[in-house]
């Protein structure tokens, strides 16, 4: 049976990604109202990333390492752990802090970004990086789950 923490972890992470996408959209053509919404969105993104980080870390340390990882490694798609999970573990540690950078930038330099197109462009690049890395995390999580399911299927045949 699938542990519900996996779904909670994924939902929190994906909600964080959507919050940073919201931040990105608000800052394309910012004004004072959009800046305020971007701050709120970035703050929510950071909160959701850290909640996902805690839930995912708990699941990894209590269930994944002992129950899921060995099954994947013995199954037909061992790369699901060897490549995807190894990459995900490192991005997982980095992503919430990159989210804090985005939140800090929009909070501290948001007024300047309304007028400074170069600064805003740099901010949008960093924010897009957060969104793309978050989407990559979702893809890697799907690949890891697929590796687990394929190992279970292979064990039944």
N, C-alpha and C. Protein backbone atom coordinates (compact mmCIF):
# COMPACT_ATOMS: atom_id res chain seq x y z
N UNK A 1 0.84 -1.18 0.00
CA UNK A 1 0.00 0.00 0.00
C UNK A 1 0.88 1.25 0.00
N UNK A 2 0.45 2.24 -0.72
CA UNK A 2 1.20 3.49 -0.82
C UNK A 2 1.01 4.30 0.46
N UNK A 3 2.09 4.80 0.98
CA UNK A 3 2.06 5.62 2.18
C UNK A 3 1.44 6.97 1.84
N UNK A 4 0.46 7.43 2.62
CA UNK A 4 -0.17 8.73 2.32
C UNK A 4 0.80 9.91 2.40
N UNK A 5 1.91 9.74 3.10
CA UNK A 5 2.89 10.82 3.17
C UNK A 5 3.46 11.16 1.80
N UNK A 6 3.51 10.17 0.90
CA UNK A 6 4.02 10.43 -0.45
C UNK A 6 3.11 11.44 -1.16
N UNK A 7 1.81 11.22 -1.08
CA UNK A 7 0.87 12.14 -1.71
C UNK A 7 0.88 13.52 -1.07
N UNK A 8 0.98 13.56 0.25
CA UNK A 8 1.04 14.85 0.96
C UNK A 8 2.31 15.60 0.55
N UNK A 9 3.43 14.88 0.53
CA UNK A 9 4.71 15.46 0.12
C UNK A 9 4.61 16.05 -1.28
N UNK A 10 4.08 15.28 -2.20
CA UNK A 10 3.95 15.74 -3.59
C UNK A 10 3.00 16.93 -3.70
N UNK A 11 1.86 16.86 -3.03
CA UNK A 11 0.88 17.96 -3.11
C UNK A 11 1.45 19.26 -2.55
N UNK A 12 2.16 19.17 -1.43
CA UNK A 12 2.76 20.37 -0.85
C UNK A 12 3.82 20.96 -1.78
N UNK A 13 4.66 20.09 -2.33
CA UNK A 13 5.70 20.56 -3.24
C UNK A 13 5.13 21.20 -4.49
N UNK A 14 4.13 20.56 -5.07
CA UNK A 14 3.52 21.11 -6.29
C UNK A 14 2.78 22.41 -6.01
N UNK A 15 2.17 22.53 -4.84
CA UNK A 15 1.52 23.79 -4.46
C UNK A 15 2.57 24.88 -4.33
N UNK A 16 3.73 24.54 -3.77
CA UNK A 16 4.84 25.50 -3.69
C UNK A 16 5.29 25.94 -5.08
N UNK A 17 5.37 25.00 -6.01
CA UNK A 17 5.75 25.35 -7.39
C UNK A 17 4.74 26.32 -7.99
N UNK A 18 3.46 26.04 -7.80
CA UNK A 18 2.43 26.94 -8.32
C UNK A 18 2.53 28.32 -7.68
N UNK A 19 2.87 28.38 -6.41
CA UNK A 19 3.02 29.68 -5.73
C UNK A 19 4.17 30.47 -6.36
N UNK A 20 5.27 29.80 -6.68
CA UNK A 20 6.38 30.52 -7.32
C UNK A 20 6.06 30.88 -8.77
N UNK A 21 5.25 30.07 -9.43
CA UNK A 21 4.78 30.45 -10.77
C UNK A 21 3.91 31.70 -10.67
N UNK A 22 3.07 31.75 -9.67
CA UNK A 22 2.24 32.92 -9.40
C UNK A 22 3.13 34.14 -9.17
N UNK A 23 4.19 33.97 -8.38
CA UNK A 23 5.14 35.05 -8.14
C UNK A 23 5.72 35.54 -9.47
N UNK A 24 6.13 34.60 -10.31
CA UNK A 24 6.71 34.92 -11.61
C UNK A 24 5.74 35.76 -12.44
N UNK A 25 4.50 35.30 -12.53
CA UNK A 25 3.50 36.00 -13.35
C UNK A 25 3.25 37.41 -12.83
N UNK A 26 3.14 37.56 -11.53
CA UNK A 26 2.90 38.89 -10.95
C UNK A 26 4.04 39.86 -11.26
N UNK A 27 5.25 39.34 -11.36
CA UNK A 27 6.41 40.22 -11.53
C UNK A 27 6.78 40.47 -12.99
N UNK A 28 6.03 39.93 -13.92
CA UNK A 28 6.30 40.22 -15.34
C UNK A 28 6.07 41.70 -15.62
N UNK A 29 4.95 42.20 -15.15
CA UNK A 29 4.65 43.64 -15.27
C UNK A 29 4.18 44.14 -13.90
N UNK A 30 5.11 44.35 -12.99
CA UNK A 30 4.71 44.65 -11.61
C UNK A 30 4.22 46.08 -11.41
N UNK A 31 3.31 46.22 -10.50
CA UNK A 31 2.92 47.50 -9.92
C UNK A 31 2.81 47.23 -8.41
N UNK A 32 2.36 48.19 -7.65
CA UNK A 32 2.33 48.02 -6.19
C UNK A 32 1.44 46.85 -5.76
N UNK A 33 0.27 46.71 -6.39
CA UNK A 33 -0.64 45.61 -6.02
C UNK A 33 -0.05 44.26 -6.41
N UNK A 34 0.51 44.18 -7.61
CA UNK A 34 1.11 42.92 -8.05
C UNK A 34 2.31 42.56 -7.18
N UNK A 35 3.07 43.56 -6.78
CA UNK A 35 4.22 43.33 -5.91
C UNK A 35 3.76 42.73 -4.58
N UNK A 36 2.69 43.27 -4.03
CA UNK A 36 2.17 42.74 -2.77
C UNK A 36 1.73 41.29 -2.93
N UNK A 37 1.04 40.99 -4.03
CA UNK A 37 0.61 39.61 -4.28
C UNK A 37 1.81 38.70 -4.51
N UNK A 38 2.84 39.20 -5.17
CA UNK A 38 4.06 38.41 -5.41
C UNK A 38 4.74 38.06 -4.08
N UNK A 39 4.76 39.01 -3.15
CA UNK A 39 5.35 38.74 -1.83
C UNK A 39 4.58 37.63 -1.12
N UNK A 40 3.26 37.73 -1.17
CA UNK A 40 2.43 36.71 -0.53
C UNK A 40 2.66 35.35 -1.18
N UNK A 41 2.67 35.33 -2.51
CA UNK A 41 2.86 34.07 -3.23
C UNK A 41 4.22 33.45 -2.92
N UNK A 42 5.27 34.28 -2.90
CA UNK A 42 6.61 33.76 -2.61
C UNK A 42 6.69 33.23 -1.18
N UNK A 43 6.07 33.94 -0.24
CA UNK A 43 6.06 33.48 1.15
C UNK A 43 5.33 32.13 1.24
N UNK A 44 4.19 32.01 0.57
CA UNK A 44 3.47 30.74 0.56
C UNK A 44 4.31 29.64 -0.08
N UNK A 45 5.00 29.98 -1.16
CA UNK A 45 5.86 28.99 -1.82
C UNK A 45 6.92 28.45 -0.88
N UNK A 46 7.56 29.35 -0.14
CA UNK A 46 8.59 28.93 0.83
C UNK A 46 7.97 28.03 1.90
N UNK A 47 6.82 28.41 2.41
CA UNK A 47 6.16 27.61 3.45
C UNK A 47 5.83 26.22 2.92
N UNK A 48 5.24 26.16 1.73
CA UNK A 48 4.88 24.86 1.15
C UNK A 48 6.13 24.02 0.86
N UNK A 49 7.19 24.64 0.38
CA UNK A 49 8.43 23.88 0.13
C UNK A 49 8.98 23.29 1.42
N UNK A 50 9.00 24.08 2.49
CA UNK A 50 9.52 23.55 3.75
C UNK A 50 8.61 22.47 4.32
N UNK A 51 7.30 22.63 4.18
CA UNK A 51 6.39 21.58 4.64
C UNK A 51 6.63 20.29 3.84
N UNK A 52 6.79 20.42 2.54
CA UNK A 52 7.09 19.26 1.70
C UNK A 52 8.43 18.64 2.08
N UNK A 53 9.39 19.49 2.37
CA UNK A 53 10.73 19.07 2.78
C UNK A 53 10.66 18.23 4.05
N UNK A 54 9.90 18.68 5.03
CA UNK A 54 9.79 17.98 6.30
C UNK A 54 9.06 16.64 6.12
N UNK A 55 7.93 16.66 5.44
CA UNK A 55 7.16 15.43 5.21
C UNK A 55 7.98 14.44 4.39
N UNK A 56 8.60 14.91 3.31
CA UNK A 56 9.41 14.03 2.47
C UNK A 56 10.61 13.47 3.22
N UNK A 57 11.26 14.30 4.01
CA UNK A 57 12.40 13.83 4.79
C UNK A 57 11.99 12.79 5.82
N UNK A 58 10.85 13.00 6.45
CA UNK A 58 10.34 12.03 7.42
C UNK A 58 10.05 10.70 6.73
N UNK A 59 9.34 10.76 5.60
CA UNK A 59 9.02 9.54 4.85
C UNK A 59 10.29 8.83 4.41
N UNK A 60 11.25 9.58 3.90
CA UNK A 60 12.50 8.99 3.42
C UNK A 60 13.21 8.27 4.57
N UNK A 61 13.26 8.89 5.72
CA UNK A 61 14.03 8.31 6.83
C UNK A 61 13.29 7.17 7.54
N UNK A 62 11.97 7.12 7.43
CA UNK A 62 11.23 6.06 8.12
C UNK A 62 10.81 4.91 7.22
N UNK A 63 10.45 5.18 5.97
CA UNK A 63 9.90 4.13 5.11
C UNK A 63 10.69 3.88 3.83
N UNK A 64 11.05 4.95 3.14
CA UNK A 64 11.66 4.78 1.82
C UNK A 64 12.93 3.94 1.88
N UNK A 65 13.84 4.31 2.75
CA UNK A 65 15.14 3.64 2.81
C UNK A 65 15.05 2.17 3.13
N UNK A 66 14.09 1.79 3.95
CA UNK A 66 13.98 0.39 4.36
C UNK A 66 13.00 -0.42 3.54
N UNK A 67 11.91 0.19 3.06
CA UNK A 67 10.85 -0.56 2.39
C UNK A 67 10.80 -0.37 0.87
N UNK A 68 11.13 0.80 0.39
CA UNK A 68 10.93 1.11 -1.03
C UNK A 68 12.23 0.98 -1.82
N UNK A 69 13.27 1.58 -1.33
CA UNK A 69 14.56 1.59 -2.03
C UNK A 69 15.04 0.18 -2.41
N UNK A 70 15.04 -0.80 -1.49
CA UNK A 70 15.51 -2.13 -1.87
C UNK A 70 14.66 -2.77 -2.97
N UNK A 71 13.36 -2.51 -2.96
CA UNK A 71 12.46 -3.05 -3.98
C UNK A 71 12.81 -2.45 -5.34
N UNK A 72 13.00 -1.14 -5.39
CA UNK A 72 13.35 -0.48 -6.65
C UNK A 72 14.68 -1.00 -7.18
N UNK A 73 15.67 -1.10 -6.31
CA UNK A 73 17.01 -1.52 -6.73
C UNK A 73 17.05 -2.94 -7.27
N UNK A 74 16.12 -3.79 -6.83
CA UNK A 74 16.06 -5.17 -7.33
C UNK A 74 15.14 -5.31 -8.53
N UNK A 75 14.38 -4.25 -8.85
CA UNK A 75 13.40 -4.32 -9.92
C UNK A 75 13.99 -4.02 -11.29
N UNK A 76 13.14 -3.94 -12.31
CA UNK A 76 13.59 -3.72 -13.68
C UNK A 76 14.04 -2.28 -13.98
N UNK A 77 13.81 -1.35 -13.05
CA UNK A 77 14.21 0.04 -13.26
C UNK A 77 15.03 0.55 -12.07
N UNK A 78 16.19 -0.07 -11.81
CA UNK A 78 16.97 0.36 -10.65
C UNK A 78 17.48 1.80 -10.77
N UNK A 79 17.54 2.32 -11.99
CA UNK A 79 17.96 3.71 -12.20
C UNK A 79 16.98 4.69 -11.54
N UNK A 80 15.74 4.23 -11.29
CA UNK A 80 14.76 5.12 -10.65
C UNK A 80 15.27 5.58 -9.29
N UNK A 81 16.00 4.72 -8.61
CA UNK A 81 16.63 5.17 -7.37
C UNK A 81 18.02 5.71 -7.67
N UNK A 82 18.82 4.96 -8.41
CA UNK A 82 20.22 5.31 -8.62
C UNK A 82 20.44 6.66 -9.28
N UNK A 83 19.55 7.06 -10.15
CA UNK A 83 19.70 8.34 -10.84
C UNK A 83 18.69 9.36 -10.30
N UNK A 84 17.42 9.02 -10.40
CA UNK A 84 16.37 9.99 -10.06
C UNK A 84 16.37 10.37 -8.58
N UNK A 85 16.41 9.38 -7.71
CA UNK A 85 16.35 9.70 -6.28
C UNK A 85 17.62 10.40 -5.82
N UNK A 86 18.75 9.98 -6.35
CA UNK A 86 20.00 10.64 -5.95
C UNK A 86 19.98 12.12 -6.36
N UNK A 87 19.50 12.41 -7.58
CA UNK A 87 19.39 13.80 -8.01
C UNK A 87 18.35 14.55 -7.17
N UNK A 88 17.22 13.90 -6.94
CA UNK A 88 16.13 14.52 -6.18
C UNK A 88 16.57 14.87 -4.76
N UNK A 89 17.35 14.00 -4.14
CA UNK A 89 17.82 14.26 -2.79
C UNK A 89 18.61 15.56 -2.70
N UNK A 90 19.43 15.83 -3.70
CA UNK A 90 20.28 17.03 -3.66
C UNK A 90 19.49 18.28 -4.00
N UNK A 91 18.63 18.18 -4.99
CA UNK A 91 17.79 19.33 -5.33
C UNK A 91 16.84 19.63 -4.17
N UNK A 92 16.35 18.58 -3.54
CA UNK A 92 15.43 18.66 -2.41
C UNK A 92 16.04 19.49 -1.28
N UNK A 93 17.33 19.35 -1.06
CA UNK A 93 18.00 20.11 0.00
C UNK A 93 18.18 21.58 -0.37
N UNK A 94 18.32 21.86 -1.64
CA UNK A 94 18.66 23.19 -2.14
C UNK A 94 17.44 24.06 -2.42
N UNK A 95 16.37 23.46 -2.90
CA UNK A 95 15.23 24.20 -3.43
C UNK A 95 14.54 25.13 -2.42
N UNK A 96 14.27 24.72 -1.19
CA UNK A 96 13.63 25.66 -0.26
C UNK A 96 14.47 26.91 -0.01
N UNK A 97 15.78 26.76 0.00
CA UNK A 97 16.63 27.92 0.25
C UNK A 97 16.68 28.85 -0.96
N UNK A 98 16.58 28.28 -2.15
CA UNK A 98 16.46 29.12 -3.35
C UNK A 98 15.12 29.87 -3.31
N UNK A 99 14.10 29.22 -2.77
CA UNK A 99 12.81 29.88 -2.58
C UNK A 99 12.93 31.06 -1.62
N UNK A 100 13.74 30.91 -0.57
CA UNK A 100 13.97 32.02 0.36
C UNK A 100 14.66 33.18 -0.35
N UNK A 101 15.56 32.87 -1.27
CA UNK A 101 16.23 33.93 -2.04
C UNK A 101 15.18 34.71 -2.84
N UNK A 102 14.27 33.99 -3.50
CA UNK A 102 13.22 34.66 -4.28
C UNK A 102 12.35 35.52 -3.37
N UNK A 103 11.93 34.96 -2.24
CA UNK A 103 11.11 35.73 -1.30
C UNK A 103 11.86 36.96 -0.80
N UNK A 104 13.13 36.80 -0.47
CA UNK A 104 13.92 37.93 0.02
C UNK A 104 14.06 39.01 -1.05
N UNK A 105 14.31 38.59 -2.28
CA UNK A 105 14.45 39.56 -3.36
C UNK A 105 13.17 40.35 -3.59
N UNK A 106 12.05 39.64 -3.64
CA UNK A 106 10.79 40.35 -3.89
C UNK A 106 10.43 41.24 -2.71
N UNK A 107 10.81 40.83 -1.51
CA UNK A 107 10.51 41.64 -0.32
C UNK A 107 11.42 42.85 -0.19
N UNK A 108 12.70 42.67 -0.47
CA UNK A 108 13.68 43.74 -0.25
C UNK A 108 13.91 44.63 -1.48
N UNK A 109 13.77 44.05 -2.67
CA UNK A 109 14.07 44.83 -3.87
C UNK A 109 12.87 44.95 -4.80
N UNK A 110 11.71 44.59 -4.31
CA UNK A 110 10.51 44.62 -5.15
C UNK A 110 10.19 45.98 -5.71
N UNK A 111 10.30 47.00 -4.88
CA UNK A 111 10.02 48.37 -5.35
C UNK A 111 10.97 48.77 -6.47
N UNK A 112 12.23 48.39 -6.34
CA UNK A 112 13.21 48.69 -7.40
C UNK A 112 12.88 47.94 -8.69
N UNK A 113 12.35 46.72 -8.56
CA UNK A 113 12.04 45.92 -9.75
C UNK A 113 10.90 46.50 -10.57
N UNK A 114 10.06 47.31 -9.94
CA UNK A 114 8.97 47.94 -10.68
C UNK A 114 9.55 48.83 -11.77
N UNK A 115 10.66 49.51 -11.47
CA UNK A 115 11.26 50.45 -12.43
C UNK A 115 12.48 49.89 -13.16
N UNK A 116 13.20 48.98 -12.54
CA UNK A 116 14.46 48.47 -13.09
C UNK A 116 14.23 47.16 -13.85
N UNK A 117 14.14 47.25 -15.16
CA UNK A 117 13.84 46.09 -16.00
C UNK A 117 14.94 45.03 -15.93
N UNK A 118 16.20 45.46 -15.83
CA UNK A 118 17.29 44.48 -15.75
C UNK A 118 17.22 43.67 -14.46
N UNK A 119 16.99 44.35 -13.37
CA UNK A 119 16.86 43.66 -12.09
C UNK A 119 15.66 42.72 -12.12
N UNK A 120 14.55 43.19 -12.67
CA UNK A 120 13.35 42.36 -12.77
C UNK A 120 13.61 41.13 -13.63
N UNK A 121 14.33 41.30 -14.73
CA UNK A 121 14.65 40.16 -15.60
C UNK A 121 15.48 39.13 -14.85
N UNK A 122 16.45 39.57 -14.08
CA UNK A 122 17.26 38.65 -13.28
C UNK A 122 16.39 37.92 -12.26
N UNK A 123 15.50 38.66 -11.62
CA UNK A 123 14.58 38.06 -10.66
C UNK A 123 13.70 37.01 -11.33
N UNK A 124 13.20 37.33 -12.51
CA UNK A 124 12.34 36.38 -13.22
C UNK A 124 13.09 35.12 -13.61
N UNK A 125 14.36 35.26 -13.95
CA UNK A 125 15.18 34.09 -14.28
C UNK A 125 15.33 33.18 -13.06
N UNK A 126 15.65 33.77 -11.92
CA UNK A 126 15.79 32.98 -10.69
C UNK A 126 14.46 32.32 -10.31
N UNK A 127 13.38 33.06 -10.43
CA UNK A 127 12.07 32.51 -10.09
C UNK A 127 11.69 31.39 -11.06
N UNK A 128 11.98 31.58 -12.33
CA UNK A 128 11.71 30.52 -13.31
C UNK A 128 12.54 29.28 -13.00
N UNK A 129 13.76 29.49 -12.54
CA UNK A 129 14.60 28.36 -12.14
C UNK A 129 13.96 27.57 -11.00
N UNK A 130 13.38 28.26 -10.04
CA UNK A 130 12.69 27.60 -8.93
C UNK A 130 11.52 26.77 -9.48
N UNK A 131 10.75 27.37 -10.37
CA UNK A 131 9.60 26.67 -10.95
C UNK A 131 10.05 25.44 -11.73
N UNK A 132 11.06 25.61 -12.58
CA UNK A 132 11.53 24.48 -13.40
C UNK A 132 12.14 23.38 -12.55
N UNK A 133 12.88 23.75 -11.52
CA UNK A 133 13.45 22.74 -10.63
C UNK A 133 12.33 22.02 -9.87
N UNK A 134 11.31 22.74 -9.48
CA UNK A 134 10.17 22.12 -8.80
C UNK A 134 9.44 21.15 -9.72
N UNK A 135 9.27 21.53 -10.98
CA UNK A 135 8.63 20.63 -11.94
C UNK A 135 9.50 19.40 -12.18
N UNK A 136 10.82 19.60 -12.22
CA UNK A 136 11.73 18.47 -12.38
C UNK A 136 11.62 17.52 -11.19
N UNK A 137 11.44 18.09 -9.99
CA UNK A 137 11.26 17.26 -8.79
C UNK A 137 10.01 16.40 -8.93
N UNK A 138 8.93 16.98 -9.43
CA UNK A 138 7.69 16.22 -9.61
C UNK A 138 7.90 15.09 -10.61
N UNK A 139 8.60 15.38 -11.70
CA UNK A 139 8.89 14.35 -12.70
C UNK A 139 9.75 13.23 -12.10
N UNK A 140 10.75 13.61 -11.32
CA UNK A 140 11.61 12.60 -10.70
C UNK A 140 10.82 11.76 -9.70
N UNK A 141 9.95 12.39 -8.93
CA UNK A 141 9.10 11.64 -8.01
C UNK A 141 8.22 10.65 -8.73
N UNK A 142 7.66 11.07 -9.86
CA UNK A 142 6.85 10.16 -10.67
C UNK A 142 7.70 8.99 -11.17
N UNK A 143 8.92 9.27 -11.62
CA UNK A 143 9.81 8.21 -12.11
C UNK A 143 10.17 7.22 -11.01
N UNK A 144 10.40 7.73 -9.82
CA UNK A 144 10.72 6.86 -8.68
C UNK A 144 9.52 5.97 -8.36
N UNK A 145 8.33 6.56 -8.32
CA UNK A 145 7.12 5.78 -8.06
C UNK A 145 6.90 4.74 -9.14
N UNK A 146 7.18 5.10 -10.39
CA UNK A 146 7.05 4.14 -11.49
C UNK A 146 8.03 3.00 -11.34
N UNK A 147 9.25 3.32 -10.89
CA UNK A 147 10.24 2.27 -10.64
C UNK A 147 9.78 1.30 -9.57
N UNK A 148 9.15 1.83 -8.54
CA UNK A 148 8.61 0.98 -7.47
C UNK A 148 7.47 0.10 -7.99
N UNK A 149 6.55 0.71 -8.73
CA UNK A 149 5.41 -0.05 -9.27
C UNK A 149 5.88 -1.13 -10.25
N UNK A 150 6.88 -0.81 -11.09
CA UNK A 150 7.38 -1.81 -12.03
C UNK A 150 8.06 -2.97 -11.31
N UNK A 151 8.72 -2.67 -10.20
CA UNK A 151 9.35 -3.74 -9.41
C UNK A 151 8.29 -4.62 -8.78
N UNK A 152 7.22 -4.03 -8.30
CA UNK A 152 6.14 -4.83 -7.73
C UNK A 152 5.49 -5.70 -8.78
N UNK A 153 5.27 -5.14 -9.96
CA UNK A 153 4.67 -5.89 -11.07
C UNK A 153 5.59 -7.05 -11.49
N UNK A 154 6.87 -6.78 -11.57
CA UNK A 154 7.83 -7.82 -11.97
C UNK A 154 7.87 -8.94 -10.94
N UNK A 155 7.64 -8.61 -9.68
CA UNK A 155 7.63 -9.62 -8.63
C UNK A 155 6.40 -10.50 -8.68
N UNK A 156 5.32 -10.01 -9.29
CA UNK A 156 4.08 -10.78 -9.37
C UNK A 156 4.06 -11.73 -10.54
N UNK A 157 4.90 -11.47 -11.54
CA UNK A 157 4.87 -12.33 -12.73
C UNK A 157 5.86 -13.44 -12.67
